[in-house]
Amino acid sequence: MKIYKEEFSPIQVNTYIVDGDDGECIIIDCGCYGSAEEKRLTDFLAERSLTPRLLLNTHCHLDHIFGNAFMLERYGLRSWFHEGDRYNHSIAPKHAQMFGLVMDPPPEPEGYLTDGQIVTAAGLSFEVIAVPGHSQGGIAFYSAKNGVVFTGDALFAGSIGRSDLPGGNHEQLMTNIRARLFTLSPDTVVYPGHGPATTIGEEMRSNPFFS
C-alpha cells in the first residue's frame, strides 16, 4: 500500500489516493475544487498510471465532497458514505455559500456504508468504523494489515473535529474517539481530513483534548 495526499480547495482538505494492485487505487474524500484542481488530480493519477476504482467519503461536509461530481464525470465513480450524513450531503451547496463558494448539488451515492463493514477494491480492504460526533454519519477507514486509519474530521494531530455544525455532538465525538479509535494499536498511523499525519499512540499521549 502506498498513500499519497493532495490538499485541495480554500478549506485545505486532505484527499488521499491509496495505491493498490495493478495500477488501481481508492480515493478517500475527493476535495478538488474547480477545473485547475481537477486537472491536478487527473495529472497526478496519470503520471502514476493509477485508475480509481472506489470513492469513499469519511463524511459529507462540503469540503470532503467537492470533487464527487468530477469523480463521476471523469471516472464513472459514485461515492460511498454512511447514511447518517445524507443531510450534510444534501445541504452542501447551501453550506458552500457560507464560505463564499459555489457548488452544484453533489451526485447521489453508489450506496451507504455501515459500521463494521469491509470495503474492498484495488486489492485493498478497509474496515468501516463509526465515529459520529463531528457529523452524524462520520466514519473512519481502518486497515489493520497496513496499520493505518483514515479518520476524516474526527481526530487530528493535536486536536479533534468541531461539533458545532448540524449533526455534531462534542461528548459523542469524545466518547467515540476513546472507544473506537484509541482502542486501535498505538502504532496505527492516523491520516486525518486536515493537517499532518500522526499516530494513535501520539494522540493518546499528547492530544490536549484527552489530557
N, C-alpha and C. Protein backbone atom coordinates (compact mmCIF):
# COMPACT_ATOMS: atom_id res chain seq x y z
N MET A 1 0.84 -1.19 0.00
CA MET A 1 0.00 0.00 0.00
C MET A 1 0.88 1.25 0.00
N LYS A 2 0.58 2.15 -0.94
CA LYS A 2 1.20 3.46 -0.95
C LYS A 2 0.11 4.50 -0.76
N ILE A 3 0.38 5.50 0.07
CA ILE A 3 -0.62 6.51 0.37
C ILE A 3 -0.08 7.87 -0.06
N TYR A 4 -0.83 8.54 -0.92
CA TYR A 4 -0.49 9.88 -1.36
C TYR A 4 -1.54 10.85 -0.84
N LYS A 5 -1.11 12.06 -0.56
CA LYS A 5 -2.02 13.09 -0.07
C LYS A 5 -1.94 14.31 -0.95
N GLU A 6 -3.11 14.82 -1.35
CA GLU A 6 -3.20 16.09 -2.05
C GLU A 6 -4.12 17.00 -1.23
N GLU A 7 -3.75 18.25 -1.10
CA GLU A 7 -4.55 19.22 -0.35
C GLU A 7 -5.31 20.11 -1.33
N PHE A 8 -6.63 20.16 -1.16
CA PHE A 8 -7.46 20.86 -2.13
C PHE A 8 -8.38 21.88 -1.48
N SER A 9 -8.85 22.81 -2.29
CA SER A 9 -9.89 23.79 -2.01
C SER A 9 -9.40 24.85 -1.04
N PRO A 10 -10.11 25.98 -0.97
CA PRO A 10 -9.74 27.01 0.01
C PRO A 10 -9.83 26.53 1.46
N ILE A 11 -10.53 25.41 1.69
CA ILE A 11 -10.69 24.89 3.05
C ILE A 11 -9.56 23.91 3.39
N GLN A 12 -8.70 23.65 2.44
CA GLN A 12 -7.49 22.85 2.65
C GLN A 12 -7.79 21.46 3.21
N VAL A 13 -8.59 20.73 2.47
CA VAL A 13 -8.95 19.37 2.86
C VAL A 13 -7.93 18.38 2.28
N ASN A 14 -7.67 17.33 3.02
CA ASN A 14 -6.78 16.27 2.54
C ASN A 14 -7.57 15.27 1.70
N THR A 15 -7.12 15.06 0.48
CA THR A 15 -7.63 13.99 -0.36
C THR A 15 -6.56 12.91 -0.42
N TYR A 16 -6.96 11.67 -0.16
CA TYR A 16 -5.99 10.58 -0.14
C TYR A 16 -6.18 9.68 -1.35
N ILE A 17 -5.07 9.34 -1.97
CA ILE A 17 -5.03 8.37 -3.06
C ILE A 17 -4.28 7.16 -2.53
N VAL A 18 -4.97 6.05 -2.40
CA VAL A 18 -4.37 4.85 -1.82
C VAL A 18 -4.09 3.87 -2.95
N ASP A 19 -2.83 3.65 -3.21
CA ASP A 19 -2.35 2.84 -4.33
C ASP A 19 -2.45 1.36 -3.97
N GLY A 20 -3.19 0.61 -4.77
CA GLY A 20 -3.37 -0.81 -4.52
C GLY A 20 -2.63 -1.66 -5.53
N ASP A 21 -3.31 -2.63 -6.10
CA ASP A 21 -2.69 -3.58 -7.03
C ASP A 21 -2.93 -3.18 -8.48
N ASP A 22 -1.94 -3.51 -9.33
CA ASP A 22 -2.11 -3.43 -10.79
C ASP A 22 -2.59 -2.07 -11.27
N GLY A 23 -2.04 -1.01 -10.69
CA GLY A 23 -2.37 0.32 -11.16
C GLY A 23 -3.74 0.83 -10.77
N GLU A 24 -4.35 0.22 -9.77
CA GLU A 24 -5.67 0.66 -9.31
C GLU A 24 -5.53 1.34 -7.94
N CYS A 25 -6.50 2.20 -7.62
CA CYS A 25 -6.41 2.92 -6.36
C CYS A 25 -7.80 3.23 -5.81
N ILE A 26 -7.81 3.63 -4.55
CA ILE A 26 -9.01 4.10 -3.87
C ILE A 26 -8.82 5.58 -3.55
N ILE A 27 -9.84 6.37 -3.77
CA ILE A 27 -9.82 7.79 -3.43
C ILE A 27 -10.67 8.01 -2.18
N ILE A 28 -10.10 8.68 -1.19
CA ILE A 28 -10.83 8.98 0.03
C ILE A 28 -10.97 10.51 0.15
N ASP A 29 -12.21 10.98 0.22
CA ASP A 29 -12.54 12.40 0.38
C ASP A 29 -11.96 13.26 -0.74
N CYS A 30 -12.55 13.11 -1.92
CA CYS A 30 -12.09 13.89 -3.07
C CYS A 30 -12.57 15.33 -2.92
N GLY A 31 -11.64 16.23 -2.60
CA GLY A 31 -12.00 17.61 -2.29
C GLY A 31 -11.60 18.61 -3.36
N CYS A 32 -11.22 18.15 -4.56
CA CYS A 32 -10.75 19.10 -5.56
C CYS A 32 -11.87 20.06 -5.96
N TYR A 33 -11.53 21.34 -5.99
CA TYR A 33 -12.50 22.40 -6.22
C TYR A 33 -12.09 23.19 -7.46
N GLY A 34 -12.87 23.07 -8.52
CA GLY A 34 -12.60 23.80 -9.74
C GLY A 34 -11.72 23.04 -10.71
N SER A 35 -11.68 23.53 -11.94
CA SER A 35 -11.02 22.81 -13.03
C SER A 35 -9.51 22.66 -12.82
N ALA A 36 -8.88 23.65 -12.24
CA ALA A 36 -7.43 23.57 -12.04
C ALA A 36 -7.08 22.43 -11.09
N GLU A 37 -7.83 22.30 -10.00
CA GLU A 37 -7.55 21.22 -9.06
C GLU A 37 -7.97 19.87 -9.63
N GLU A 38 -9.03 19.86 -10.41
CA GLU A 38 -9.42 18.61 -11.06
C GLU A 38 -8.32 18.13 -12.01
N LYS A 39 -7.73 19.05 -12.75
CA LYS A 39 -6.63 18.69 -13.64
C LYS A 39 -5.42 18.22 -12.84
N ARG A 40 -5.17 18.86 -11.72
CA ARG A 40 -4.05 18.45 -10.87
C ARG A 40 -4.20 17.01 -10.42
N LEU A 41 -5.42 16.64 -10.02
CA LEU A 41 -5.65 15.26 -9.60
C LEU A 41 -5.55 14.30 -10.78
N THR A 42 -6.13 14.67 -11.91
CA THR A 42 -6.06 13.83 -13.11
C THR A 42 -4.61 13.59 -13.52
N ASP A 43 -3.82 14.66 -13.54
CA ASP A 43 -2.41 14.54 -13.92
C ASP A 43 -1.65 13.68 -12.92
N PHE A 44 -1.95 13.85 -11.64
CA PHE A 44 -1.29 13.06 -10.60
C PHE A 44 -1.52 11.57 -10.83
N LEU A 45 -2.77 11.22 -11.10
CA LEU A 45 -3.11 9.82 -11.33
C LEU A 45 -2.48 9.31 -12.63
N ALA A 46 -2.53 10.11 -13.68
CA ALA A 46 -1.98 9.68 -14.97
C ALA A 46 -0.47 9.48 -14.89
N GLU A 47 0.22 10.36 -14.18
CA GLU A 47 1.67 10.24 -14.05
C GLU A 47 2.08 8.95 -13.36
N ARG A 48 1.19 8.43 -12.52
CA ARG A 48 1.49 7.20 -11.79
C ARG A 48 0.72 6.00 -12.36
N SER A 49 0.07 6.21 -13.49
CA SER A 49 -0.71 5.16 -14.16
C SER A 49 -1.70 4.51 -13.21
N LEU A 50 -2.41 5.35 -12.44
CA LEU A 50 -3.38 4.87 -11.47
C LEU A 50 -4.80 5.11 -11.97
N THR A 51 -5.64 4.09 -11.80
CA THR A 51 -7.06 4.19 -12.15
C THR A 51 -7.89 4.05 -10.88
N PRO A 52 -8.70 5.06 -10.53
CA PRO A 52 -9.55 4.94 -9.34
C PRO A 52 -10.63 3.88 -9.52
N ARG A 53 -10.82 3.05 -8.49
CA ARG A 53 -11.83 2.00 -8.54
C ARG A 53 -12.90 2.16 -7.47
N LEU A 54 -12.66 3.04 -6.49
CA LEU A 54 -13.61 3.23 -5.40
C LEU A 54 -13.45 4.64 -4.85
N LEU A 55 -14.58 5.29 -4.58
CA LEU A 55 -14.59 6.62 -3.99
C LEU A 55 -15.30 6.55 -2.64
N LEU A 56 -14.57 6.89 -1.58
CA LEU A 56 -15.09 6.83 -0.22
C LEU A 56 -15.14 8.22 0.39
N ASN A 57 -16.14 8.45 1.22
CA ASN A 57 -16.24 9.69 1.99
C ASN A 57 -16.31 9.37 3.47
N THR A 58 -15.43 10.00 4.26
CA THR A 58 -15.50 9.83 5.71
C THR A 58 -16.75 10.50 6.27
N HIS A 59 -17.18 11.58 5.62
CA HIS A 59 -18.42 12.27 5.95
C HIS A 59 -18.70 13.22 4.80
N CYS A 60 -19.79 13.97 4.88
CA CYS A 60 -20.23 14.73 3.70
C CYS A 60 -20.31 16.23 3.91
N HIS A 61 -19.45 16.78 4.76
CA HIS A 61 -19.31 18.23 4.75
C HIS A 61 -18.74 18.64 3.40
N LEU A 62 -19.07 19.84 2.98
CA LEU A 62 -18.81 20.27 1.60
C LEU A 62 -17.38 20.04 1.13
N ASP A 63 -16.39 20.34 1.98
CA ASP A 63 -15.00 20.26 1.53
C ASP A 63 -14.57 18.84 1.20
N HIS A 64 -15.23 17.86 1.79
CA HIS A 64 -14.87 16.46 1.55
C HIS A 64 -15.55 15.87 0.33
N ILE A 65 -16.53 16.60 -0.22
CA ILE A 65 -17.26 16.07 -1.37
C ILE A 65 -17.24 17.02 -2.57
N PHE A 66 -16.43 18.08 -2.51
CA PHE A 66 -16.34 18.99 -3.64
C PHE A 66 -16.09 18.24 -4.95
N GLY A 67 -15.24 17.22 -4.91
CA GLY A 67 -14.83 16.55 -6.13
C GLY A 67 -15.68 15.36 -6.54
N ASN A 68 -16.77 15.10 -5.83
CA ASN A 68 -17.56 13.91 -6.15
C ASN A 68 -18.17 13.96 -7.55
N ALA A 69 -18.65 15.14 -7.96
CA ALA A 69 -19.22 15.26 -9.31
C ALA A 69 -18.15 15.02 -10.37
N PHE A 70 -16.97 15.54 -10.13
CA PHE A 70 -15.84 15.32 -11.05
C PHE A 70 -15.49 13.84 -11.14
N MET A 71 -15.47 13.15 -9.99
CA MET A 71 -15.13 11.72 -10.00
C MET A 71 -16.15 10.91 -10.79
N LEU A 72 -17.41 11.32 -10.73
CA LEU A 72 -18.43 10.63 -11.52
C LEU A 72 -18.25 10.93 -13.01
N GLU A 73 -18.04 12.18 -13.33
CA GLU A 73 -17.90 12.57 -14.73
C GLU A 73 -16.65 11.98 -15.37
N ARG A 74 -15.53 12.04 -14.64
CA ARG A 74 -14.23 11.64 -15.23
C ARG A 74 -13.97 10.15 -15.12
N TYR A 75 -14.39 9.53 -14.00
CA TYR A 75 -14.02 8.13 -13.76
C TYR A 75 -15.23 7.21 -13.58
N GLY A 76 -16.42 7.77 -13.64
CA GLY A 76 -17.62 6.95 -13.52
C GLY A 76 -17.88 6.40 -12.13
N LEU A 77 -17.33 7.07 -11.13
CA LEU A 77 -17.46 6.59 -9.75
C LEU A 77 -18.42 7.46 -8.94
N ARG A 78 -19.36 6.82 -8.29
CA ARG A 78 -20.18 7.47 -7.28
C ARG A 78 -19.62 7.12 -5.91
N SER A 79 -19.87 7.95 -4.95
CA SER A 79 -19.26 7.78 -3.64
C SER A 79 -20.03 6.82 -2.75
N TRP A 80 -19.34 6.36 -1.72
CA TRP A 80 -19.92 5.57 -0.64
C TRP A 80 -19.69 6.32 0.66
N PHE A 81 -20.74 6.46 1.48
CA PHE A 81 -20.61 7.09 2.79
C PHE A 81 -21.69 6.56 3.71
N HIS A 82 -21.66 6.97 4.97
CA HIS A 82 -22.64 6.49 5.94
C HIS A 82 -23.96 7.24 5.75
N GLU A 83 -25.06 6.51 5.88
CA GLU A 83 -26.37 7.09 5.65
C GLU A 83 -26.66 8.25 6.60
N GLY A 84 -26.01 8.26 7.76
CA GLY A 84 -26.21 9.34 8.71
C GLY A 84 -25.80 10.70 8.20
N ASP A 85 -25.04 10.73 7.11
CA ASP A 85 -24.60 12.01 6.56
C ASP A 85 -25.39 12.43 5.32
N ARG A 86 -26.54 11.85 5.11
CA ARG A 86 -27.38 12.24 3.97
C ARG A 86 -27.76 13.72 4.05
N TYR A 87 -28.04 14.21 5.26
CA TYR A 87 -28.45 15.61 5.39
C TYR A 87 -27.30 16.54 4.99
N ASN A 88 -26.10 16.28 5.51
CA ASN A 88 -24.95 17.11 5.14
C ASN A 88 -24.70 17.06 3.64
N HIS A 89 -24.91 15.90 3.05
CA HIS A 89 -24.75 15.74 1.60
C HIS A 89 -25.73 16.64 0.87
N SER A 90 -26.95 16.70 1.36
CA SER A 90 -28.00 17.45 0.66
C SER A 90 -27.84 18.97 0.81
N ILE A 91 -27.29 19.43 1.94
CA ILE A 91 -27.18 20.87 2.17
C ILE A 91 -25.81 21.43 1.78
N ALA A 92 -24.94 20.61 1.24
CA ALA A 92 -23.59 21.06 0.92
C ALA A 92 -23.57 22.32 0.03
N PRO A 93 -24.41 22.43 -1.01
CA PRO A 93 -24.37 23.66 -1.82
C PRO A 93 -24.72 24.91 -1.01
N LYS A 94 -25.69 24.82 -0.10
CA LYS A 94 -26.03 25.97 0.75
C LYS A 94 -24.89 26.27 1.73
N HIS A 95 -24.29 25.22 2.24
CA HIS A 95 -23.15 25.38 3.14
C HIS A 95 -22.01 26.09 2.43
N ALA A 96 -21.81 25.77 1.16
CA ALA A 96 -20.74 26.39 0.38
C ALA A 96 -20.92 27.90 0.31
N GLN A 97 -22.17 28.36 0.21
CA GLN A 97 -22.43 29.79 0.13
C GLN A 97 -21.94 30.52 1.37
N MET A 98 -21.96 29.84 2.51
CA MET A 98 -21.48 30.46 3.74
C MET A 98 -19.99 30.76 3.67
N PHE A 99 -19.27 30.01 2.83
CA PHE A 99 -17.83 30.21 2.65
C PHE A 99 -17.53 31.05 1.41
N GLY A 100 -18.59 31.59 0.78
CA GLY A 100 -18.40 32.36 -0.43
C GLY A 100 -18.01 31.52 -1.62
N LEU A 101 -18.40 30.25 -1.60
CA LEU A 101 -18.04 29.31 -2.67
C LEU A 101 -19.30 28.87 -3.41
N VAL A 102 -19.09 28.33 -4.59
CA VAL A 102 -20.19 27.85 -5.43
C VAL A 102 -20.05 26.34 -5.60
N MET A 103 -21.16 25.63 -5.44
CA MET A 103 -21.14 24.18 -5.56
C MET A 103 -22.47 23.69 -6.10
N ASP A 104 -22.43 22.88 -7.13
CA ASP A 104 -23.64 22.24 -7.64
C ASP A 104 -24.05 21.11 -6.70
N PRO A 105 -25.32 20.70 -6.73
CA PRO A 105 -25.73 19.55 -5.91
C PRO A 105 -24.86 18.34 -6.22
N PRO A 106 -24.32 17.67 -5.21
CA PRO A 106 -23.44 16.52 -5.45
C PRO A 106 -24.24 15.32 -5.97
N PRO A 107 -23.60 14.42 -6.70
CA PRO A 107 -24.30 13.24 -7.21
C PRO A 107 -24.79 12.35 -6.07
N GLU A 108 -25.85 11.62 -6.34
CA GLU A 108 -26.30 10.63 -5.38
C GLU A 108 -25.23 9.56 -5.20
N PRO A 109 -25.13 8.96 -4.02
CA PRO A 109 -24.08 7.97 -3.78
C PRO A 109 -24.36 6.65 -4.49
N GLU A 110 -23.32 5.85 -4.58
CA GLU A 110 -23.49 4.47 -5.07
C GLU A 110 -24.23 3.64 -4.03
N GLY A 111 -23.95 3.93 -2.76
CA GLY A 111 -24.61 3.21 -1.68
C GLY A 111 -24.12 3.73 -0.34
N TYR A 112 -24.59 3.10 0.72
CA TYR A 112 -24.27 3.55 2.07
C TYR A 112 -23.46 2.48 2.80
N LEU A 113 -22.57 2.95 3.67
CA LEU A 113 -21.71 2.07 4.45
C LEU A 113 -22.21 1.97 5.88
N THR A 114 -21.90 0.84 6.52
CA THR A 114 -22.32 0.62 7.89
C THR A 114 -21.12 0.25 8.76
N ASP A 115 -21.26 0.50 10.04
CA ASP A 115 -20.20 0.19 11.00
C ASP A 115 -19.82 -1.29 10.92
N GLY A 116 -18.54 -1.56 10.83
CA GLY A 116 -18.05 -2.93 10.77
C GLY A 116 -17.98 -3.51 9.37
N GLN A 117 -18.52 -2.83 8.40
CA GLN A 117 -18.48 -3.31 7.03
C GLN A 117 -17.05 -3.30 6.51
N ILE A 118 -16.73 -4.27 5.65
CA ILE A 118 -15.43 -4.32 4.99
C ILE A 118 -15.61 -3.88 3.55
N VAL A 119 -14.87 -2.85 3.16
CA VAL A 119 -14.91 -2.39 1.77
C VAL A 119 -13.62 -2.81 1.09
N THR A 120 -13.76 -3.31 -0.13
CA THR A 120 -12.62 -3.87 -0.84
C THR A 120 -12.60 -3.37 -2.28
N ALA A 121 -11.43 -2.95 -2.73
CA ALA A 121 -11.21 -2.56 -4.12
C ALA A 121 -9.71 -2.42 -4.32
N ALA A 122 -9.27 -2.56 -5.56
CA ALA A 122 -7.87 -2.36 -5.91
C ALA A 122 -6.92 -3.23 -5.09
N GLY A 123 -7.40 -4.39 -4.66
CA GLY A 123 -6.59 -5.27 -3.84
C GLY A 123 -6.43 -4.80 -2.41
N LEU A 124 -7.22 -3.81 -1.99
CA LEU A 124 -7.14 -3.24 -0.65
C LEU A 124 -8.45 -3.47 0.09
N SER A 125 -8.36 -3.58 1.42
CA SER A 125 -9.55 -3.74 2.24
C SER A 125 -9.48 -2.80 3.44
N PHE A 126 -10.63 -2.19 3.74
CA PHE A 126 -10.73 -1.32 4.90
C PHE A 126 -11.97 -1.69 5.70
N GLU A 127 -11.84 -1.63 7.02
CA GLU A 127 -12.98 -1.79 7.91
C GLU A 127 -13.58 -0.40 8.18
N VAL A 128 -14.89 -0.33 8.11
CA VAL A 128 -15.60 0.91 8.41
C VAL A 128 -15.80 1.00 9.92
N ILE A 129 -15.34 2.10 10.52
CA ILE A 129 -15.50 2.33 11.95
C ILE A 129 -16.35 3.59 12.13
N ALA A 130 -17.49 3.45 12.78
CA ALA A 130 -18.36 4.59 13.02
C ALA A 130 -17.78 5.46 14.13
N VAL A 131 -17.59 6.75 13.83
CA VAL A 131 -17.10 7.72 14.83
C VAL A 131 -17.92 9.01 14.74
N PRO A 132 -19.24 8.92 14.90
CA PRO A 132 -20.05 10.14 14.84
C PRO A 132 -19.72 11.10 15.98
N GLY A 133 -20.03 12.35 15.72
CA GLY A 133 -19.77 13.40 16.71
C GLY A 133 -19.39 14.69 16.03
N HIS A 134 -18.47 14.60 15.07
CA HIS A 134 -18.20 15.75 14.20
C HIS A 134 -19.37 15.91 13.24
N SER A 135 -19.83 14.80 12.72
CA SER A 135 -21.06 14.75 11.93
C SER A 135 -21.79 13.47 12.31
N GLN A 136 -23.06 13.44 12.02
CA GLN A 136 -23.88 12.30 12.45
C GLN A 136 -23.44 10.99 11.81
N GLY A 137 -22.93 11.08 10.60
CA GLY A 137 -22.52 9.87 9.89
C GLY A 137 -21.03 9.73 9.72
N GLY A 138 -20.25 10.33 10.60
CA GLY A 138 -18.80 10.26 10.47
C GLY A 138 -18.27 8.85 10.62
N ILE A 139 -17.39 8.46 9.72
CA ILE A 139 -16.77 7.14 9.77
C ILE A 139 -15.27 7.26 9.51
N ALA A 140 -14.55 6.23 9.92
CA ALA A 140 -13.13 6.11 9.63
C ALA A 140 -12.92 4.83 8.84
N PHE A 141 -11.82 4.77 8.10
CA PHE A 141 -11.47 3.59 7.31
C PHE A 141 -10.16 3.03 7.84
N TYR A 142 -10.19 1.79 8.30
CA TYR A 142 -9.08 1.19 9.05
C TYR A 142 -8.55 -0.05 8.34
N SER A 143 -7.24 -0.11 8.19
CA SER A 143 -6.57 -1.32 7.71
C SER A 143 -5.63 -1.82 8.78
N ALA A 144 -6.03 -2.90 9.46
CA ALA A 144 -5.15 -3.49 10.47
C ALA A 144 -3.89 -4.05 9.82
N LYS A 145 -4.03 -4.61 8.64
CA LYS A 145 -2.90 -5.21 7.93
C LYS A 145 -1.80 -4.19 7.68
N ASN A 146 -2.20 -2.99 7.30
CA ASN A 146 -1.23 -1.95 6.96
C ASN A 146 -1.01 -0.94 8.09
N GLY A 147 -1.75 -1.06 9.18
CA GLY A 147 -1.55 -0.20 10.33
C GLY A 147 -1.87 1.26 10.07
N VAL A 148 -3.00 1.51 9.36
CA VAL A 148 -3.39 2.88 9.05
C VAL A 148 -4.88 3.06 9.29
N VAL A 149 -5.26 4.30 9.60
CA VAL A 149 -6.67 4.64 9.73
C VAL A 149 -6.87 6.05 9.19
N PHE A 150 -7.89 6.21 8.36
CA PHE A 150 -8.27 7.50 7.80
C PHE A 150 -9.45 8.01 8.62
N THR A 151 -9.23 9.08 9.38
CA THR A 151 -10.20 9.47 10.40
C THR A 151 -11.11 10.63 10.00
N GLY A 152 -10.97 11.15 8.78
CA GLY A 152 -11.80 12.28 8.41
C GLY A 152 -11.57 13.43 9.37
N ASP A 153 -12.66 14.05 9.84
CA ASP A 153 -12.53 15.18 10.76
C ASP A 153 -12.86 14.80 12.20
N ALA A 154 -12.75 13.51 12.52
CA ALA A 154 -12.95 13.10 13.91
C ALA A 154 -11.73 13.41 14.75
N LEU A 155 -10.56 12.97 14.29
CA LEU A 155 -9.32 13.10 15.07
C LEU A 155 -8.23 13.69 14.19
N PHE A 156 -7.57 14.72 14.72
CA PHE A 156 -6.45 15.36 14.04
C PHE A 156 -5.19 15.24 14.90
N ALA A 157 -4.07 15.63 14.32
CA ALA A 157 -2.85 15.73 15.10
C ALA A 157 -3.01 16.88 16.10
N GLY A 158 -3.12 16.54 17.36
CA GLY A 158 -3.23 17.54 18.41
C GLY A 158 -4.58 18.19 18.56
N SER A 159 -5.61 17.64 17.91
CA SER A 159 -6.92 18.25 18.00
C SER A 159 -8.00 17.23 17.67
N ILE A 160 -9.25 17.70 17.69
CA ILE A 160 -10.39 16.89 17.29
C ILE A 160 -11.29 17.75 16.41
N GLY A 161 -12.27 17.12 15.78
CA GLY A 161 -13.18 17.84 14.91
C GLY A 161 -14.12 18.76 15.69
N ARG A 162 -14.56 19.82 15.02
CA ARG A 162 -15.55 20.70 15.62
C ARG A 162 -16.89 19.98 15.70
N SER A 163 -17.71 20.42 16.64
CA SER A 163 -19.00 19.73 16.84
C SER A 163 -20.17 20.72 16.84
N ASP A 164 -19.95 21.91 16.29
CA ASP A 164 -20.99 22.93 16.29
C ASP A 164 -21.73 23.04 14.96
N LEU A 165 -21.52 22.08 14.06
CA LEU A 165 -22.24 22.02 12.79
C LEU A 165 -23.41 21.05 12.92
N PRO A 166 -24.37 21.08 11.98
CA PRO A 166 -25.52 20.18 12.07
C PRO A 166 -25.10 18.71 12.23
N GLY A 167 -25.68 18.05 13.23
CA GLY A 167 -25.35 16.65 13.50
C GLY A 167 -24.16 16.46 14.40
N GLY A 168 -23.53 17.56 14.83
CA GLY A 168 -22.36 17.44 15.70
C GLY A 168 -22.75 17.27 17.16
N ASN A 169 -21.87 16.59 17.91
CA ASN A 169 -22.11 16.36 19.33
C ASN A 169 -20.76 16.12 19.99
N HIS A 170 -20.31 17.08 20.79
CA HIS A 170 -18.97 17.01 21.36
C HIS A 170 -18.76 15.77 22.23
N GLU A 171 -19.68 15.51 23.15
CA GLU A 171 -19.50 14.37 24.03
C GLU A 171 -19.51 13.06 23.27
N GLN A 172 -20.36 12.97 22.26
CA GLN A 172 -20.40 11.77 21.43
C GLN A 172 -19.07 11.58 20.70
N LEU A 173 -18.52 12.67 20.19
CA LEU A 173 -17.24 12.58 19.49
C LEU A 173 -16.14 12.11 20.42
N MET A 174 -16.05 12.70 21.61
CA MET A 174 -15.03 12.31 22.57
C MET A 174 -15.16 10.84 22.94
N THR A 175 -16.39 10.41 23.19
CA THR A 175 -16.64 9.02 23.56
C THR A 175 -16.21 8.08 22.44
N ASN A 176 -16.55 8.42 21.21
CA ASN A 176 -16.24 7.54 20.09
C ASN A 176 -14.75 7.50 19.77
N ILE A 177 -14.06 8.62 19.93
CA ILE A 177 -12.61 8.59 19.73
C ILE A 177 -11.97 7.65 20.74
N ARG A 178 -12.39 7.76 22.00
CA ARG A 178 -11.82 6.88 23.03
C ARG A 178 -12.16 5.40 22.78
N ALA A 179 -13.41 5.15 22.43
CA ALA A 179 -13.88 3.76 22.33
C ALA A 179 -13.56 3.10 21.00
N ARG A 180 -13.50 3.89 19.93
CA ARG A 180 -13.38 3.29 18.60
C ARG A 180 -12.00 3.50 17.96
N LEU A 181 -11.32 4.59 18.33
CA LEU A 181 -10.01 4.87 17.73
C LEU A 181 -8.86 4.60 18.70
N PHE A 182 -8.99 5.03 19.94
CA PHE A 182 -7.91 4.82 20.91
C PHE A 182 -7.78 3.36 21.33
N THR A 183 -8.66 2.51 20.88
CA THR A 183 -8.53 1.06 21.12
C THR A 183 -7.74 0.38 20.01
N LEU A 184 -7.38 1.11 18.96
CA LEU A 184 -6.52 0.56 17.92
C LEU A 184 -5.08 0.53 18.43
N SER A 185 -4.22 -0.20 17.73
CA SER A 185 -2.81 -0.26 18.12
C SER A 185 -2.21 1.13 18.18
N PRO A 186 -1.41 1.43 19.21
CA PRO A 186 -0.79 2.76 19.31
C PRO A 186 0.08 3.10 18.10
N ASP A 187 0.57 2.09 17.40
CA ASP A 187 1.42 2.33 16.24
C ASP A 187 0.62 2.69 14.98
N THR A 188 -0.69 2.59 15.05
CA THR A 188 -1.51 2.88 13.88
C THR A 188 -1.31 4.33 13.43
N VAL A 189 -1.01 4.50 12.15
CA VAL A 189 -0.82 5.84 11.59
C VAL A 189 -2.19 6.43 11.27
N VAL A 190 -2.39 7.66 11.74
CA VAL A 190 -3.65 8.37 11.54
C VAL A 190 -3.50 9.35 10.39
N TYR A 191 -4.35 9.20 9.39
CA TYR A 191 -4.40 10.14 8.27
C TYR A 191 -5.70 10.93 8.38
N PRO A 192 -5.63 12.18 8.85
CA PRO A 192 -6.84 12.96 9.12
C PRO A 192 -7.31 13.75 7.90
N GLY A 193 -8.49 14.35 8.04
CA GLY A 193 -9.07 15.12 6.96
C GLY A 193 -8.39 16.45 6.71
N HIS A 194 -7.63 16.94 7.68
CA HIS A 194 -6.89 18.19 7.54
C HIS A 194 -5.59 18.05 8.33
N GLY A 195 -4.55 18.66 7.85
CA GLY A 195 -3.30 18.68 8.60
C GLY A 195 -2.45 17.43 8.42
N PRO A 196 -1.39 17.33 9.23
CA PRO A 196 -0.43 16.25 9.06
C PRO A 196 -0.88 14.94 9.68
N ALA A 197 -0.21 13.87 9.27
CA ALA A 197 -0.45 12.55 9.86
C ALA A 197 0.09 12.50 11.28
N THR A 198 -0.42 11.55 12.04
CA THR A 198 0.04 11.34 13.41
C THR A 198 -0.11 9.85 13.70
N THR A 199 -0.08 9.47 14.96
CA THR A 199 -0.34 8.08 15.33
C THR A 199 -1.35 8.04 16.48
N ILE A 200 -1.98 6.91 16.63
CA ILE A 200 -2.92 6.74 17.75
C ILE A 200 -2.18 6.94 19.07
N GLY A 201 -1.01 6.36 19.20
CA GLY A 201 -0.26 6.48 20.44
C GLY A 201 0.10 7.91 20.77
N GLU A 202 0.51 8.67 19.76
CA GLU A 202 0.87 10.07 19.98
C GLU A 202 -0.33 10.88 20.46
N GLU A 203 -1.50 10.63 19.87
CA GLU A 203 -2.69 11.37 20.28
C GLU A 203 -3.15 10.97 21.68
N MET A 204 -3.00 9.71 22.03
CA MET A 204 -3.34 9.28 23.38
C MET A 204 -2.44 9.94 24.41
N ARG A 205 -1.17 10.15 24.03
CA ARG A 205 -0.21 10.74 24.97
C ARG A 205 -0.33 12.26 25.06
N SER A 206 -0.55 12.93 23.93
CA SER A 206 -0.34 14.37 23.94
C SER A 206 -1.48 15.21 23.44
N ASN A 207 -2.54 14.61 22.91
CA ASN A 207 -3.66 15.43 22.43
C ASN A 207 -4.28 16.15 23.61
N PRO A 208 -4.33 17.50 23.59
CA PRO A 208 -4.80 18.24 24.77
C PRO A 208 -6.25 18.00 25.12
N PHE A 209 -7.06 17.50 24.20
CA PHE A 209 -8.46 17.21 24.49
C PHE A 209 -8.62 15.98 25.38
N PHE A 210 -7.54 15.21 25.53
CA PHE A 210 -7.65 13.97 26.32
C PHE A 210 -6.66 13.95 27.47
N SER A 211 -6.07 15.08 27.77
CA SER A 211 -5.08 15.12 28.86
C SER A 211 -5.80 15.33 30.20
